[in-house]
């Protein structure tokens, strides 16, 4: 019998409390998806390698996780640039990043970490809250009518199957755009039927609001979601680059883990199919 290749969950750390929490939050994710954990430490100057601490962290992680395979990498350079490079090199299936509560997404690790997500070769889960989540029961799936948004539906189905989770669709539309509202609600109904056809529990909620990010996070907390799944916007206008997008704002304000998926189909995403 052919042995299936393991997926790889990459976790960049800087030894802050939140980055170490991201390691702990990855235990169950690795178990459910049959992945190994790769802890990435990026240092700026020779002498900052921290080999002893990393070796200790790997042993501790293996013991606490129930012997999930764990290894570490020590790389010199810039953490958000090197994270994407290493993810590409090792064919990571997922990147998990811990965010300090006071940090805006563009300030993570002292640099423009929004680049990390936009350039990532695989989905990125950002974790801001300190609550430890054992498994995943509810996945919140905000929808819009963009072509890119459709790609995350399959990924949400795959994750729901891994965890035995339910999917909660959320349609947010402007109160003053009836045409968009009608199209979005019709599309959301189609998505709901598709998901239920995969034998996954699914609900559909629509909310009229001009404050998309706040509405998504508020609803995520209301239904006690364990994961919010959003699509990254590939091309930013000058205004969006400086002011941020709704997806970036969701990452900034969400106390619930957020998975950001890039719209480009990538080879590493195949690990999230039935061949995992």
Protein backbone atom coordinates (compact mmCIF):
# COMPACT_ATOMS: atom_id res chain seq x y z
CA UNK A 1 0.00 0.00 0.00
CA UNK A 2 1.33 3.42 -0.94
CA UNK A 3 2.10 5.71 1.98
CA UNK A 4 0.49 9.12 1.60
CA UNK A 5 2.78 12.11 1.79
CA UNK A 6 2.38 14.22 4.90
CA UNK A 7 1.33 17.82 4.69
CA UNK A 8 3.49 20.52 6.26
CA UNK A 9 2.30 23.24 8.64
CA UNK A 10 4.87 26.04 8.82
CA UNK A 11 4.91 28.23 11.95
CA UNK A 12 7.17 31.31 12.00
CA UNK A 13 8.12 32.27 15.57
CA UNK A 14 9.99 35.10 17.27
CA UNK A 15 9.56 33.63 20.79
CA UNK A 16 6.83 36.11 21.73
CA UNK A 17 3.93 34.66 23.72
CA UNK A 18 1.56 34.82 20.75
CA UNK A 19 3.95 33.12 18.32
CA UNK A 20 4.45 30.28 20.80
CA UNK A 21 0.67 30.05 21.23
CA UNK A 22 0.42 29.56 17.46
CA UNK A 23 2.56 26.44 17.87
CA UNK A 24 0.18 25.03 20.49
CA UNK A 25 -2.85 25.89 18.38
CA UNK A 26 -1.37 23.85 15.53
CA UNK A 27 -1.33 20.50 17.37
CA UNK A 28 -4.85 19.40 16.46
CA UNK A 29 -4.59 20.89 12.99
CA UNK A 30 -1.56 18.69 12.35
CA UNK A 31 -3.29 15.62 13.76
CA UNK A 32 -6.47 16.02 11.74
CA UNK A 33 -4.64 16.72 8.48
CA UNK A 34 -1.84 14.19 9.08
CA UNK A 35 0.76 16.94 8.83
CA UNK A 36 4.11 17.57 10.40
CA UNK A 37 4.98 20.87 12.06
CA UNK A 38 7.94 22.93 10.95
CA UNK A 39 8.88 25.72 13.37
CA UNK A 40 10.67 28.52 11.55
CA UNK A 41 12.95 30.88 13.46
CA UNK A 42 14.29 33.79 11.41
CA UNK A 43 17.10 35.82 12.97
CA UNK A 44 18.70 39.05 11.78
CA UNK A 45 22.25 38.75 13.17
CA UNK A 46 24.74 35.94 13.69
CA UNK A 47 24.61 34.84 17.31
CA UNK A 48 20.78 35.01 17.49
CA UNK A 49 20.18 31.46 16.31
CA UNK A 50 18.83 30.16 19.68
CA UNK A 51 19.50 26.50 18.81
CA UNK A 52 19.13 25.25 22.39
CA UNK A 53 15.74 26.93 22.84
CA UNK A 54 14.50 25.61 19.49
CA UNK A 55 15.62 22.07 20.29
CA UNK A 56 13.80 22.27 23.62
CA UNK A 57 10.68 23.68 21.93
CA UNK A 58 10.63 20.83 19.39
CA UNK A 59 10.86 18.17 22.13
CA UNK A 60 8.18 19.92 24.18
CA UNK A 61 5.90 20.23 21.16
CA UNK A 62 6.29 16.54 20.24
CA UNK A 63 5.47 15.51 23.80
CA UNK A 64 2.46 17.83 24.24
CA UNK A 65 1.01 17.14 20.80
CA UNK A 66 0.97 13.39 21.16
CA UNK A 67 4.04 12.80 19.03
CA UNK A 68 3.10 14.88 16.00
CA UNK A 69 6.31 15.03 13.89
CA UNK A 70 8.09 18.34 14.57
CA UNK A 71 11.27 19.92 13.28
CA UNK A 72 12.75 23.40 13.21
CA UNK A 73 14.54 25.59 10.72
CA UNK A 74 16.88 28.47 11.53
CA UNK A 75 17.19 31.05 8.76
CA UNK A 76 18.93 34.40 8.65
CA UNK A 77 17.03 37.26 7.05
CA UNK A 78 13.69 39.04 7.14
CA UNK A 79 10.92 37.01 8.77
CA UNK A 80 8.01 37.79 6.46
CA UNK A 81 10.11 37.41 3.31
CA UNK A 82 11.80 34.23 4.50
CA UNK A 83 8.52 32.68 5.66
CA UNK A 84 7.12 32.77 2.14
CA UNK A 85 10.40 31.61 0.60
CA UNK A 86 10.70 28.68 2.99
CA UNK A 87 7.00 27.80 2.53
CA UNK A 88 7.61 27.57 -1.22
CA UNK A 89 10.81 25.60 -0.73
CA UNK A 90 9.36 22.94 1.57
CA UNK A 91 5.96 22.93 -0.19
CA UNK A 92 4.09 23.93 2.98
CA UNK A 93 0.36 23.30 2.89
CA UNK A 94 -0.40 25.91 5.54
CA UNK A 95 1.26 28.77 7.41
CA UNK A 96 0.14 29.57 10.97
CA UNK A 97 1.08 33.00 12.36
CA UNK A 98 0.50 34.30 15.89
CA UNK A 99 -0.36 37.99 16.12
CA UNK A 100 0.10 40.16 19.18
CA UNK A 101 -3.19 41.81 20.16
CA UNK A 102 -1.86 45.38 19.79
CA UNK A 103 -0.38 44.86 16.33
CA UNK A 104 -1.98 45.94 13.11
CA UNK A 105 -1.53 43.37 10.38
CA UNK A 106 0.79 45.64 8.42
CA UNK A 107 3.06 45.95 11.48
CA UNK A 108 3.57 42.26 12.28
CA UNK A 109 7.20 41.43 12.97
CA UNK A 110 8.13 45.08 12.43
CA UNK A 111 7.49 44.97 8.69
CA UNK A 112 4.84 44.90 6.03
CA UNK A 113 3.50 41.46 6.85
CA UNK A 114 0.52 41.96 4.56
CA UNK A 115 3.13 40.98 1.97
CA UNK A 116 3.49 37.64 3.75
CA UNK A 117 -0.14 36.80 3.03
CA UNK A 118 -0.25 38.26 -0.47
CA UNK A 119 2.87 36.36 -1.54
CA UNK A 120 2.21 33.15 0.40
CA UNK A 121 2.20 29.96 -1.70
CA UNK A 122 -0.45 28.41 0.57
CA UNK A 123 -3.27 29.47 2.91
CA UNK A 124 -2.30 31.46 6.02
CA UNK A 125 -4.04 31.17 9.40
CA UNK A 126 -3.55 34.16 11.68
CA UNK A 127 -4.21 33.75 15.40
CA UNK A 128 -4.74 36.82 17.57
CA UNK A 129 -6.76 35.58 20.54
CA UNK A 130 -5.20 33.66 23.44
CA UNK A 131 -8.05 31.17 23.89
CA UNK A 132 -6.90 27.63 23.12
CA UNK A 133 -9.22 25.96 20.59
CA UNK A 134 -9.44 22.19 20.68
CA UNK A 135 -10.57 21.23 17.20
CA UNK A 136 -12.96 23.12 14.95
CA UNK A 137 -16.76 22.90 15.13
CA UNK A 138 -17.89 26.00 13.22
CA UNK A 139 -16.33 27.54 10.11
CA UNK A 140 -17.60 30.97 9.12
CA UNK A 141 -17.64 31.49 5.36
CA UNK A 142 -18.30 35.12 4.35
CA UNK A 143 -19.31 35.34 0.69
CA UNK A 144 -19.27 38.01 -1.98
CA UNK A 145 -19.72 37.86 -5.76
CA UNK A 146 -16.06 38.02 -6.70
CA UNK A 147 -14.61 35.23 -8.84
CA UNK A 148 -11.90 34.67 -6.22
CA UNK A 149 -14.43 34.16 -3.43
CA UNK A 150 -15.75 31.03 -5.10
CA UNK A 151 -12.42 29.25 -4.71
CA UNK A 152 -12.61 29.14 -0.93
CA UNK A 153 -15.86 27.14 -0.95
CA UNK A 154 -14.08 23.89 -1.83
CA UNK A 155 -11.39 24.57 0.77
CA UNK A 156 -14.01 25.18 3.46
CA UNK A 157 -15.65 21.88 2.54
CA UNK A 158 -12.34 20.05 2.83
CA UNK A 159 -11.61 21.56 6.23
CA UNK A 160 -15.14 20.83 7.45
CA UNK A 161 -14.65 17.19 6.50
CA UNK A 162 -11.35 17.00 8.38
CA UNK A 163 -12.83 18.34 11.59
CA UNK A 164 -16.44 17.20 11.30
CA UNK A 165 -17.33 20.90 11.37
CA UNK A 166 -20.36 22.86 10.26
CA UNK A 167 -20.11 25.71 7.75
CA UNK A 168 -21.90 28.99 8.45
CA UNK A 169 -22.35 31.12 5.34
CA UNK A 170 -22.55 34.88 5.85
CA UNK A 171 -23.67 37.31 3.14
CA UNK A 172 -22.98 40.97 3.89
CA UNK A 173 -24.37 43.57 1.49
CA UNK A 174 -24.95 47.30 1.37
CA UNK A 175 -28.48 48.34 2.41
CA UNK A 176 -28.59 50.60 -0.67
CA UNK A 177 -27.70 48.07 -3.38
CA UNK A 178 -30.74 45.91 -4.06
CA UNK A 179 -29.37 44.38 -7.26
CA UNK A 180 -26.19 43.19 -5.54
CA UNK A 181 -28.21 41.92 -2.59
CA UNK A 182 -30.45 39.80 -4.82
CA UNK A 183 -27.50 38.32 -6.72
CA UNK A 184 -25.57 37.60 -3.53
CA UNK A 185 -28.49 35.92 -1.78
CA UNK A 186 -29.16 33.73 -4.81
CA UNK A 187 -25.50 32.74 -4.95
CA UNK A 188 -25.35 32.05 -1.20
CA UNK A 189 -28.36 29.74 -1.56
CA UNK A 190 -26.56 27.83 -4.32
CA UNK A 191 -23.44 27.50 -2.16
CA UNK A 192 -25.51 26.25 0.77
CA UNK A 193 -27.09 23.54 -1.37
CA UNK A 194 -23.68 22.55 -2.72
CA UNK A 195 -22.22 22.22 0.78
CA UNK A 196 -25.20 20.26 2.11
CA UNK A 197 -24.82 17.99 -0.90
CA UNK A 198 -21.40 17.10 0.53
CA UNK A 199 -23.15 15.89 3.72
CA UNK A 200 -21.91 18.87 5.73
CA UNK A 201 -24.16 20.81 8.07
CA UNK A 202 -24.61 24.34 6.71
CA UNK A 203 -26.58 27.47 7.56
CA UNK A 204 -26.99 30.73 5.66
CA UNK A 205 -27.28 34.22 7.18
CA UNK A 206 -27.61 37.58 5.40
CA UNK A 207 -26.92 40.96 7.01
CA UNK A 208 -27.30 44.44 5.54
CA UNK A 209 -24.29 46.55 6.57
CA UNK A 210 -21.74 48.96 5.14
CA UNK A 211 -19.18 47.83 7.74
CA UNK A 212 -18.16 44.46 6.37
CA UNK A 213 -15.21 43.56 8.62
CA UNK A 214 -16.94 44.54 11.85
CA UNK A 215 -20.08 42.67 10.83
CA UNK A 216 -18.13 39.50 10.00
CA UNK A 217 -16.24 39.48 13.30
CA UNK A 218 -19.34 40.30 15.35
CA UNK A 219 -21.26 37.45 13.74
CA UNK A 220 -18.30 35.08 14.13
CA UNK A 221 -18.37 35.69 17.87
CA UNK A 222 -22.15 35.39 18.02
CA UNK A 223 -22.10 31.88 16.54
CA UNK A 224 -18.89 30.95 18.39
CA UNK A 225 -16.99 30.27 15.18
CA UNK A 226 -13.64 28.54 15.45
CA UNK A 227 -12.32 29.75 12.10
CA UNK A 228 -13.15 32.57 9.69
CA UNK A 229 -12.24 31.84 6.07
CA UNK A 230 -11.55 34.79 3.77
CA UNK A 231 -10.04 35.38 0.34
CA UNK A 232 -7.07 37.63 -0.20
CA UNK A 233 -7.46 40.37 -2.79
CA UNK A 234 -4.70 39.88 -5.36
CA UNK A 235 -4.53 43.39 -6.85
CA UNK A 236 -4.69 46.41 -4.57
CA UNK A 237 -5.36 49.93 -5.73
CA UNK A 238 -3.13 52.70 -4.36
CA UNK A 239 -5.92 53.72 -1.98
CA UNK A 240 -6.42 50.14 -0.78
CA UNK A 241 -2.67 49.61 -0.37
CA UNK A 242 -2.43 52.47 2.11
CA UNK A 243 -5.85 52.26 3.77
CA UNK A 244 -6.21 48.47 3.79
CA UNK A 245 -8.98 46.18 2.56
CA UNK A 246 -11.88 44.51 4.32
CA UNK A 247 -9.90 41.25 4.44
CA UNK A 248 -6.93 42.96 6.11
CA UNK A 249 -9.28 44.68 8.54
CA UNK A 250 -10.86 41.35 9.49
CA UNK A 251 -7.40 40.00 10.34
CA UNK A 252 -6.69 43.16 12.36
CA UNK A 253 -9.79 43.00 14.55
CA UNK A 254 -10.69 39.31 14.77
CA UNK A 255 -10.13 37.53 18.06
CA UNK A 256 -10.97 34.30 16.22
CA UNK A 257 -8.42 32.56 13.98
CA UNK A 258 -8.65 33.71 10.36
CA UNK A 259 -7.62 31.66 7.35
CA UNK A 260 -6.66 33.78 4.33
CA UNK A 261 -6.61 31.98 1.00
CA UNK A 262 -4.88 33.42 -2.03
CA UNK A 263 -7.01 33.21 -5.18
CA UNK A 264 -4.36 31.55 -7.30
CA UNK A 265 -4.62 27.78 -7.62
CA UNK A 266 -1.37 26.31 -6.30
CA UNK A 267 0.19 22.88 -6.22
CA UNK A 268 0.37 22.83 -2.43
CA UNK A 269 -3.40 23.16 -2.20
CA UNK A 270 -3.69 19.59 -3.54
CA UNK A 271 -2.85 18.37 -0.04
CA UNK A 272 -6.21 19.69 1.09
CA UNK A 273 -8.02 17.28 -1.23
CA UNK A 274 -8.97 13.67 -0.73
CA UNK A 275 -5.38 12.55 -1.25
CA UNK A 276 -4.20 13.92 2.07
